[in-house]
Amino acid sequence: MEDSAATESRKRQEKLAQLLSSGNKEDYQQTVQRLRETRELFHQELAHQIETPLNEILATMPRATLREKQELAKWLNADLRYLGLGIKAPQSENPTFLRGAPTHNERGTFQLCSSGKRPFRVTFSSESLFPLKLTGNPDRNGRLWERIVGGAGHTSETNRNR
């Protein structure tokens, strides 16, 4: 008997296959809408697929000092960013990133921080690293790129003319 997570994963995979194989006679807007749904489901499935192996490897990584916490957070955030994922905030389930932050002692603390404008908002703090739940966060790089090039609406042609 399949557990509910495995059932949801199978349903996502079937829906992804359906979305990717359809679209023969769509106009642009229909295609964009279908591909947005595909991207959302894809990132949900990525989060599901990597969550358990990620938590297993995190359990083996050193994290006793502030420096170790910061190195772990840097490594984790880079991998999650590459995959278009974030860590679910415990209260809101919005995507966050992990940070090793200083405290009154040399051990430091882990913080979950919301992405977006600075200063970022700390949503959760803990000295220990708890099992992480993941969520899709595919726009994280896009928003960063928009800030670098000067806002939404810039095209590659606009950037070449700078």
N, C-alpha and C. Protein backbone atom coordinates (compact mmCIF):
# COMPACT_ATOMS: atom_id res chain seq x y z
N MET A 1 0.84 -1.19 0.00
CA MET A 1 0.00 0.00 0.00
C MET A 1 0.88 1.25 0.00
N GLU A 2 0.58 2.18 -0.89
CA GLU A 2 1.34 3.42 -1.00
C GLU A 2 0.98 4.38 0.12
N ASP A 3 1.99 5.10 0.63
CA ASP A 3 1.66 6.16 1.59
C ASP A 3 1.18 7.39 0.84
N SER A 4 0.64 8.34 1.56
CA SER A 4 0.03 9.51 0.90
C SER A 4 1.05 10.34 0.13
N ALA A 5 2.29 10.45 0.64
CA ALA A 5 3.32 11.21 -0.08
C ALA A 5 3.66 10.54 -1.41
N ALA A 6 3.75 9.22 -1.40
CA ALA A 6 4.04 8.50 -2.64
C ALA A 6 2.89 8.62 -3.62
N THR A 7 1.67 8.58 -3.12
CA THR A 7 0.49 8.73 -3.98
C THR A 7 0.47 10.11 -4.61
N GLU A 8 0.73 11.15 -3.81
CA GLU A 8 0.78 12.52 -4.34
C GLU A 8 1.88 12.65 -5.38
N SER A 9 3.02 12.05 -5.13
CA SER A 9 4.13 12.11 -6.08
C SER A 9 3.74 11.45 -7.40
N ARG A 10 3.12 10.29 -7.33
CA ARG A 10 2.69 9.60 -8.55
C ARG A 10 1.69 10.45 -9.33
N LYS A 11 0.74 11.08 -8.62
CA LYS A 11 -0.24 11.95 -9.28
C LYS A 11 0.44 13.14 -9.95
N ARG A 12 1.42 13.74 -9.27
CA ARG A 12 2.16 14.87 -9.86
C ARG A 12 2.87 14.43 -11.12
N GLN A 13 3.52 13.27 -11.07
CA GLN A 13 4.26 12.78 -12.23
C GLN A 13 3.33 12.51 -13.41
N GLU A 14 2.16 11.95 -13.13
CA GLU A 14 1.18 11.71 -14.20
C GLU A 14 0.69 13.03 -14.79
N LYS A 15 0.41 14.00 -13.94
CA LYS A 15 -0.07 15.31 -14.41
C LYS A 15 1.02 16.01 -15.22
N LEU A 16 2.27 15.91 -14.77
CA LEU A 16 3.38 16.50 -15.52
C LEU A 16 3.48 15.90 -16.92
N ALA A 17 3.39 14.59 -17.00
CA ALA A 17 3.44 13.92 -18.31
C ALA A 17 2.30 14.40 -19.20
N GLN A 18 1.12 14.53 -18.62
CA GLN A 18 -0.04 15.01 -19.38
C GLN A 18 0.17 16.44 -19.85
N LEU A 19 0.64 17.31 -18.98
CA LEU A 19 0.85 18.71 -19.34
C LEU A 19 1.93 18.86 -20.42
N LEU A 20 2.97 18.06 -20.32
CA LEU A 20 4.06 18.17 -21.29
C LEU A 20 3.69 17.59 -22.65
N SER A 21 2.76 16.67 -22.69
CA SER A 21 2.39 16.07 -23.97
C SER A 21 1.23 16.79 -24.66
N SER A 22 0.58 17.70 -23.96
CA SER A 22 -0.54 18.43 -24.58
C SER A 22 -0.05 19.74 -25.17
N GLY A 23 -0.97 20.48 -25.77
CA GLY A 23 -0.61 21.81 -26.23
C GLY A 23 -0.40 21.96 -27.71
N ASN A 24 -0.88 21.04 -28.50
CA ASN A 24 -0.66 21.13 -29.94
C ASN A 24 -1.30 22.35 -30.59
N LYS A 25 -2.51 22.72 -30.14
CA LYS A 25 -3.22 23.82 -30.80
C LYS A 25 -3.51 24.95 -29.82
N GLU A 26 -2.54 25.28 -29.01
CA GLU A 26 -2.72 26.37 -28.04
C GLU A 26 -2.16 27.67 -28.60
N ASP A 27 -2.76 28.76 -28.15
CA ASP A 27 -2.16 30.06 -28.46
C ASP A 27 -1.10 30.35 -27.39
N TYR A 28 -0.47 31.48 -27.52
CA TYR A 28 0.61 31.83 -26.60
C TYR A 28 0.16 31.83 -25.14
N GLN A 29 -0.94 32.51 -24.82
CA GLN A 29 -1.41 32.61 -23.44
C GLN A 29 -1.75 31.24 -22.86
N GLN A 30 -2.37 30.39 -23.63
CA GLN A 30 -2.68 29.04 -23.16
C GLN A 30 -1.41 28.24 -22.89
N THR A 31 -0.43 28.41 -23.78
CA THR A 31 0.84 27.72 -23.60
C THR A 31 1.55 28.19 -22.33
N VAL A 32 1.59 29.49 -22.12
CA VAL A 32 2.23 30.04 -20.92
C VAL A 32 1.54 29.53 -19.66
N GLN A 33 0.22 29.54 -19.66
CA GLN A 33 -0.53 29.05 -18.49
C GLN A 33 -0.23 27.57 -18.22
N ARG A 34 -0.21 26.77 -19.27
CA ARG A 34 0.09 25.34 -19.12
C ARG A 34 1.51 25.13 -18.61
N LEU A 35 2.46 25.91 -19.12
CA LEU A 35 3.85 25.75 -18.69
C LEU A 35 4.07 26.28 -17.27
N ARG A 36 3.33 27.28 -16.86
CA ARG A 36 3.41 27.73 -15.46
C ARG A 36 2.94 26.63 -14.52
N GLU A 37 1.84 26.00 -14.87
CA GLU A 37 1.35 24.89 -14.06
C GLU A 37 2.36 23.75 -14.04
N THR A 38 2.97 23.48 -15.18
CA THR A 38 3.99 22.44 -15.28
C THR A 38 5.17 22.75 -14.37
N ARG A 39 5.62 24.00 -14.42
CA ARG A 39 6.76 24.41 -13.59
C ARG A 39 6.44 24.28 -12.11
N GLU A 40 5.26 24.69 -11.70
CA GLU A 40 4.84 24.58 -10.30
C GLU A 40 4.84 23.12 -9.84
N LEU A 41 4.23 22.24 -10.63
CA LEU A 41 4.21 20.81 -10.29
C LEU A 41 5.61 20.22 -10.29
N PHE A 42 6.44 20.63 -11.24
CA PHE A 42 7.81 20.13 -11.31
C PHE A 42 8.57 20.46 -10.04
N HIS A 43 8.46 21.70 -9.57
CA HIS A 43 9.18 22.09 -8.36
C HIS A 43 8.62 21.42 -7.12
N GLN A 44 7.31 21.17 -7.08
CA GLN A 44 6.75 20.40 -5.97
C GLN A 44 7.33 18.99 -5.97
N GLU A 45 7.46 18.40 -7.13
CA GLU A 45 8.02 17.05 -7.22
C GLU A 45 9.50 17.03 -6.86
N LEU A 46 10.25 18.04 -7.31
CA LEU A 46 11.66 18.14 -6.90
C LEU A 46 11.77 18.19 -5.38
N ALA A 47 10.96 19.01 -4.74
CA ALA A 47 10.99 19.13 -3.28
C ALA A 47 10.72 17.77 -2.64
N HIS A 48 9.72 17.07 -3.14
CA HIS A 48 9.38 15.75 -2.59
C HIS A 48 10.54 14.77 -2.77
N GLN A 49 11.14 14.75 -3.96
CA GLN A 49 12.18 13.77 -4.27
C GLN A 49 13.45 13.98 -3.44
N ILE A 50 13.80 15.23 -3.14
CA ILE A 50 15.08 15.49 -2.49
C ILE A 50 14.99 15.63 -0.96
N GLU A 51 13.80 15.83 -0.43
CA GLU A 51 13.65 16.13 0.99
C GLU A 51 14.28 15.07 1.91
N THR A 52 13.97 13.81 1.72
CA THR A 52 14.51 12.76 2.59
C THR A 52 16.02 12.61 2.45
N PRO A 53 16.58 12.48 1.22
CA PRO A 53 18.04 12.36 1.12
C PRO A 53 18.76 13.60 1.65
N LEU A 54 18.17 14.76 1.46
CA LEU A 54 18.77 15.99 1.98
C LEU A 54 18.84 15.95 3.50
N ASN A 55 17.74 15.62 4.16
CA ASN A 55 17.75 15.57 5.62
C ASN A 55 18.71 14.51 6.14
N GLU A 56 18.87 13.41 5.39
CA GLU A 56 19.83 12.38 5.79
C GLU A 56 21.26 12.90 5.74
N ILE A 57 21.62 13.62 4.69
CA ILE A 57 23.00 14.13 4.60
C ILE A 57 23.22 15.28 5.59
N LEU A 58 22.19 16.10 5.80
CA LEU A 58 22.33 17.19 6.77
C LEU A 58 22.61 16.65 8.17
N ALA A 59 22.03 15.50 8.50
CA ALA A 59 22.23 14.90 9.82
C ALA A 59 23.69 14.49 10.05
N THR A 60 24.45 14.30 8.97
CA THR A 60 25.85 13.88 9.10
C THR A 60 26.83 15.05 9.06
N MET A 61 26.36 16.24 8.74
CA MET A 61 27.25 17.37 8.55
C MET A 61 27.56 18.07 9.88
N PRO A 62 28.79 18.56 10.03
CA PRO A 62 29.14 19.27 11.27
C PRO A 62 28.38 20.60 11.37
N ARG A 63 27.96 20.94 12.60
CA ARG A 63 27.22 22.18 12.81
C ARG A 63 27.30 22.66 14.26
N ALA A 64 28.39 22.33 14.93
CA ALA A 64 28.53 22.68 16.35
C ALA A 64 28.90 24.16 16.55
N THR A 65 29.64 24.74 15.61
CA THR A 65 30.09 26.13 15.76
C THR A 65 29.36 27.04 14.78
N LEU A 66 29.47 28.33 15.03
CA LEU A 66 28.86 29.30 14.12
C LEU A 66 29.42 29.14 12.71
N ARG A 67 30.71 28.98 12.58
CA ARG A 67 31.34 28.83 11.26
C ARG A 67 30.78 27.60 10.53
N GLU A 68 30.64 26.49 11.24
CA GLU A 68 30.09 25.28 10.62
C GLU A 68 28.63 25.50 10.20
N LYS A 69 27.87 26.19 11.03
CA LYS A 69 26.48 26.50 10.68
C LYS A 69 26.43 27.36 9.41
N GLN A 70 27.31 28.34 9.33
CA GLN A 70 27.34 29.23 8.16
C GLN A 70 27.75 28.48 6.90
N GLU A 71 28.74 27.59 7.01
CA GLU A 71 29.18 26.81 5.85
C GLU A 71 28.07 25.86 5.39
N LEU A 72 27.40 25.22 6.33
CA LEU A 72 26.29 24.33 5.99
C LEU A 72 25.18 25.10 5.28
N ALA A 73 24.83 26.27 5.82
CA ALA A 73 23.77 27.10 5.23
C ALA A 73 24.16 27.55 3.82
N LYS A 74 25.40 27.95 3.65
CA LYS A 74 25.85 28.39 2.32
C LYS A 74 25.74 27.26 1.30
N TRP A 75 26.20 26.08 1.67
CA TRP A 75 26.12 24.91 0.78
C TRP A 75 24.67 24.58 0.46
N LEU A 76 23.84 24.51 1.50
CA LEU A 76 22.43 24.15 1.32
C LEU A 76 21.70 25.15 0.44
N ASN A 77 21.86 26.43 0.73
CA ASN A 77 21.17 27.46 -0.05
C ASN A 77 21.58 27.44 -1.51
N ALA A 78 22.85 27.19 -1.79
CA ALA A 78 23.30 27.12 -3.19
C ALA A 78 22.63 25.96 -3.92
N ASP A 79 22.57 24.79 -3.28
CA ASP A 79 21.92 23.65 -3.92
C ASP A 79 20.43 23.89 -4.12
N LEU A 80 19.77 24.42 -3.10
CA LEU A 80 18.33 24.67 -3.22
C LEU A 80 18.04 25.74 -4.27
N ARG A 81 18.85 26.77 -4.32
CA ARG A 81 18.66 27.83 -5.31
C ARG A 81 18.81 27.26 -6.72
N TYR A 82 19.81 26.41 -6.91
CA TYR A 82 20.03 25.80 -8.22
C TYR A 82 18.82 24.98 -8.66
N LEU A 83 18.18 24.30 -7.71
CA LEU A 83 17.03 23.46 -8.02
C LEU A 83 15.71 24.23 -8.04
N GLY A 84 15.73 25.50 -7.66
CA GLY A 84 14.50 26.28 -7.62
C GLY A 84 13.64 25.92 -6.43
N LEU A 85 14.29 25.63 -5.29
CA LEU A 85 13.59 25.23 -4.08
C LEU A 85 13.91 26.16 -2.93
N GLY A 86 13.09 26.11 -1.91
CA GLY A 86 13.32 26.84 -0.68
C GLY A 86 12.88 25.96 0.49
N ILE A 87 13.16 26.42 1.69
CA ILE A 87 12.75 25.72 2.90
C ILE A 87 11.41 26.29 3.33
N LYS A 88 10.44 25.43 3.61
CA LYS A 88 9.13 25.90 4.06
C LYS A 88 9.25 26.53 5.43
N ALA A 89 8.74 27.74 5.57
CA ALA A 89 8.66 28.37 6.89
C ALA A 89 7.65 27.58 7.72
N PRO A 90 7.97 27.25 8.98
CA PRO A 90 7.07 26.43 9.78
C PRO A 90 5.66 27.00 9.94
N GLN A 91 5.53 28.30 10.07
CA GLN A 91 4.21 28.89 10.30
C GLN A 91 3.45 29.17 9.01
N SER A 92 4.12 29.72 8.02
CA SER A 92 3.43 30.18 6.82
C SER A 92 3.57 29.25 5.63
N GLU A 93 4.55 28.38 5.65
CA GLU A 93 4.90 27.50 4.54
C GLU A 93 5.44 28.26 3.32
N ASN A 94 5.76 29.54 3.48
CA ASN A 94 6.40 30.31 2.41
C ASN A 94 7.86 29.87 2.29
N PRO A 95 8.48 30.04 1.12
CA PRO A 95 9.88 29.66 0.96
C PRO A 95 10.80 30.59 1.75
N THR A 96 11.78 29.98 2.39
CA THR A 96 12.79 30.73 3.14
C THR A 96 14.16 30.17 2.78
N PHE A 97 15.21 30.80 3.31
CA PHE A 97 16.56 30.27 3.17
C PHE A 97 17.15 30.14 4.57
N LEU A 98 18.20 29.31 4.69
CA LEU A 98 18.83 29.04 5.98
C LEU A 98 20.02 29.96 6.17
N ARG A 99 20.22 30.38 7.41
CA ARG A 99 21.32 31.28 7.74
C ARG A 99 21.93 30.83 9.06
N GLY A 100 23.25 30.85 9.14
CA GLY A 100 23.94 30.66 10.40
C GLY A 100 24.20 32.04 10.98
N ALA A 101 23.63 32.32 12.14
CA ALA A 101 23.70 33.68 12.70
C ALA A 101 24.41 33.68 14.05
N PRO A 102 25.14 34.75 14.35
CA PRO A 102 25.83 34.83 15.64
C PRO A 102 24.84 35.01 16.80
N THR A 103 25.25 34.54 17.95
CA THR A 103 24.48 34.72 19.19
C THR A 103 25.45 35.12 20.29
N HIS A 104 25.00 35.08 21.51
CA HIS A 104 25.83 35.45 22.66
C HIS A 104 26.96 34.45 22.91
N ASN A 105 26.92 33.27 22.29
CA ASN A 105 28.01 32.31 22.44
C ASN A 105 28.59 31.97 21.06
N GLU A 106 29.66 31.21 21.05
CA GLU A 106 30.34 30.90 19.78
C GLU A 106 29.62 29.85 18.95
N ARG A 107 28.57 29.25 19.48
CA ARG A 107 27.85 28.20 18.75
C ARG A 107 26.96 28.76 17.65
N GLY A 108 26.42 29.94 17.85
CA GLY A 108 25.52 30.53 16.85
C GLY A 108 24.18 29.82 16.82
N THR A 109 23.37 30.20 15.86
CA THR A 109 22.04 29.63 15.71
C THR A 109 21.70 29.52 14.23
N PHE A 110 20.77 28.64 13.92
CA PHE A 110 20.22 28.58 12.57
C PHE A 110 18.99 29.48 12.53
N GLN A 111 18.85 30.21 11.42
CA GLN A 111 17.66 31.04 11.22
C GLN A 111 17.08 30.75 9.85
N LEU A 112 15.77 30.71 9.79
CA LEU A 112 15.08 30.68 8.51
C LEU A 112 14.67 32.11 8.21
N CYS A 113 15.04 32.59 7.04
CA CYS A 113 14.80 33.99 6.67
C CYS A 113 14.00 34.05 5.38
N SER A 114 13.10 35.02 5.33
CA SER A 114 12.31 35.20 4.11
C SER A 114 13.16 35.85 3.04
N SER A 115 12.94 35.43 1.82
CA SER A 115 13.64 36.02 0.68
C SER A 115 13.00 37.35 0.35
N GLY A 116 13.65 38.10 -0.48
CA GLY A 116 13.07 39.35 -0.93
C GLY A 116 13.93 40.52 -0.53
N LYS A 117 13.26 41.63 -0.29
CA LYS A 117 13.96 42.87 0.00
C LYS A 117 14.73 42.78 1.31
N ARG A 118 15.82 43.51 1.37
CA ARG A 118 16.59 43.60 2.60
C ARG A 118 16.01 44.72 3.44
N PRO A 119 16.05 44.66 4.73
CA PRO A 119 16.59 43.53 5.46
C PRO A 119 15.61 42.38 5.41
N PHE A 120 16.15 41.16 5.27
CA PHE A 120 15.27 40.00 5.24
C PHE A 120 14.70 39.77 6.63
N ARG A 121 13.59 39.09 6.67
CA ARG A 121 12.87 38.88 7.92
C ARG A 121 13.15 37.47 8.43
N VAL A 122 13.57 37.36 9.69
CA VAL A 122 13.79 36.06 10.31
C VAL A 122 12.44 35.50 10.70
N THR A 123 12.15 34.29 10.22
CA THR A 123 10.85 33.69 10.50
C THR A 123 10.92 32.59 11.55
N PHE A 124 12.14 32.08 11.81
CA PHE A 124 12.29 30.99 12.77
C PHE A 124 13.75 30.90 13.16
N SER A 125 14.04 30.54 14.40
CA SER A 125 15.41 30.44 14.87
C SER A 125 15.54 29.23 15.79
N SER A 126 16.67 28.51 15.66
CA SER A 126 16.89 27.33 16.48
C SER A 126 18.38 27.00 16.52
N GLU A 127 18.88 26.58 17.69
CA GLU A 127 20.28 26.18 17.78
C GLU A 127 20.54 24.86 17.07
N SER A 128 19.53 24.01 16.99
CA SER A 128 19.70 22.72 16.32
C SER A 128 19.05 22.77 14.94
N LEU A 129 19.52 21.89 14.09
CA LEU A 129 18.95 21.80 12.75
C LEU A 129 17.90 20.70 12.75
N PHE A 130 16.68 21.08 12.58
CA PHE A 130 15.53 20.19 12.60
C PHE A 130 15.33 19.62 11.20
N PRO A 131 14.57 18.55 11.03
CA PRO A 131 14.29 18.08 9.66
C PRO A 131 13.59 19.17 8.86
N LEU A 132 14.13 19.43 7.68
CA LEU A 132 13.61 20.51 6.84
C LEU A 132 12.52 20.00 5.91
N LYS A 133 11.51 20.83 5.71
CA LYS A 133 10.47 20.60 4.71
C LYS A 133 10.75 21.58 3.58
N LEU A 134 10.64 21.11 2.35
CA LEU A 134 10.99 21.95 1.20
C LEU A 134 9.75 22.34 0.41
N THR A 135 9.91 23.40 -0.36
CA THR A 135 8.85 23.89 -1.23
C THR A 135 9.48 24.48 -2.48
N GLY A 136 8.70 24.60 -3.51
CA GLY A 136 9.19 25.24 -4.73
C GLY A 136 9.44 26.72 -4.50
N ASN A 137 10.48 27.22 -5.12
CA ASN A 137 10.82 28.64 -5.07
C ASN A 137 11.52 29.01 -6.38
N PRO A 138 10.87 28.74 -7.51
CA PRO A 138 11.55 28.89 -8.80
C PRO A 138 11.86 30.34 -9.18
N ASP A 139 11.19 31.30 -8.60
CA ASP A 139 11.42 32.70 -8.98
C ASP A 139 12.57 33.35 -8.24
N ARG A 140 13.17 32.66 -7.32
CA ARG A 140 14.23 33.27 -6.50
C ARG A 140 15.34 33.84 -7.36
N ASN A 141 15.84 33.07 -8.33
CA ASN A 141 16.88 33.59 -9.21
C ASN A 141 16.35 34.67 -10.13
N GLY A 142 15.11 34.55 -10.57
CA GLY A 142 14.53 35.55 -11.45
C GLY A 142 14.45 36.91 -10.79
N ARG A 143 14.00 36.94 -9.55
CA ARG A 143 13.91 38.22 -8.83
C ARG A 143 15.29 38.82 -8.63
N LEU A 144 16.27 37.97 -8.34
CA LEU A 144 17.63 38.45 -8.19
C LEU A 144 18.12 39.04 -9.51
N TRP A 145 17.87 38.34 -10.61
CA TRP A 145 18.31 38.82 -11.91
C TRP A 145 17.63 40.16 -12.24
N GLU A 146 16.35 40.29 -11.91
CA GLU A 146 15.67 41.56 -12.17
C GLU A 146 16.30 42.69 -11.39
N ARG A 147 16.71 42.44 -10.15
CA ARG A 147 17.37 43.50 -9.36
C ARG A 147 18.71 43.86 -9.98
N ILE A 148 19.44 42.86 -10.49
CA ILE A 148 20.75 43.11 -11.08
C ILE A 148 20.63 43.95 -12.34
N VAL A 149 19.67 43.63 -13.20
CA VAL A 149 19.58 44.33 -14.49
C VAL A 149 18.66 45.54 -14.45
N GLY A 150 18.02 45.79 -13.32
CA GLY A 150 17.26 47.02 -13.22
C GLY A 150 15.76 46.88 -13.27
N GLY A 151 15.23 45.74 -12.94
CA GLY A 151 13.79 45.61 -12.83
C GLY A 151 13.18 44.77 -13.92
N ALA A 152 11.94 44.41 -13.69
CA ALA A 152 11.21 43.59 -14.65
C ALA A 152 11.00 44.37 -15.93
N GLY A 153 10.84 43.65 -17.01
CA GLY A 153 10.59 44.31 -18.29
C GLY A 153 11.84 44.45 -19.12
N HIS A 154 13.00 44.19 -18.53
CA HIS A 154 14.23 44.24 -19.30
C HIS A 154 14.37 42.95 -20.08
N THR A 155 14.65 43.06 -21.34
CA THR A 155 14.85 41.88 -22.16
C THR A 155 16.32 41.71 -22.42
N SER A 156 16.69 40.60 -23.00
CA SER A 156 18.10 40.38 -23.33
C SER A 156 18.56 41.45 -24.33
N GLU A 157 17.69 41.89 -25.21
CA GLU A 157 18.04 42.96 -26.16
C GLU A 157 18.34 44.26 -25.42
N THR A 158 17.51 44.60 -24.43
CA THR A 158 17.73 45.80 -23.63
C THR A 158 19.09 45.72 -22.94
N ASN A 159 19.41 44.55 -22.37
CA ASN A 159 20.66 44.39 -21.65
C ASN A 159 21.86 44.47 -22.57
N ARG A 160 21.74 44.01 -23.80
CA ARG A 160 22.86 44.09 -24.74
C ARG A 160 23.16 45.54 -25.10
N ASN A 161 22.15 46.41 -25.05
CA ASN A 161 22.33 47.81 -25.44
C ASN A 161 22.89 48.66 -24.32
N ARG A 162 23.11 48.11 -23.16
CA ARG A 162 23.63 48.89 -22.02
C ARG A 162 25.08 49.15 -22.17
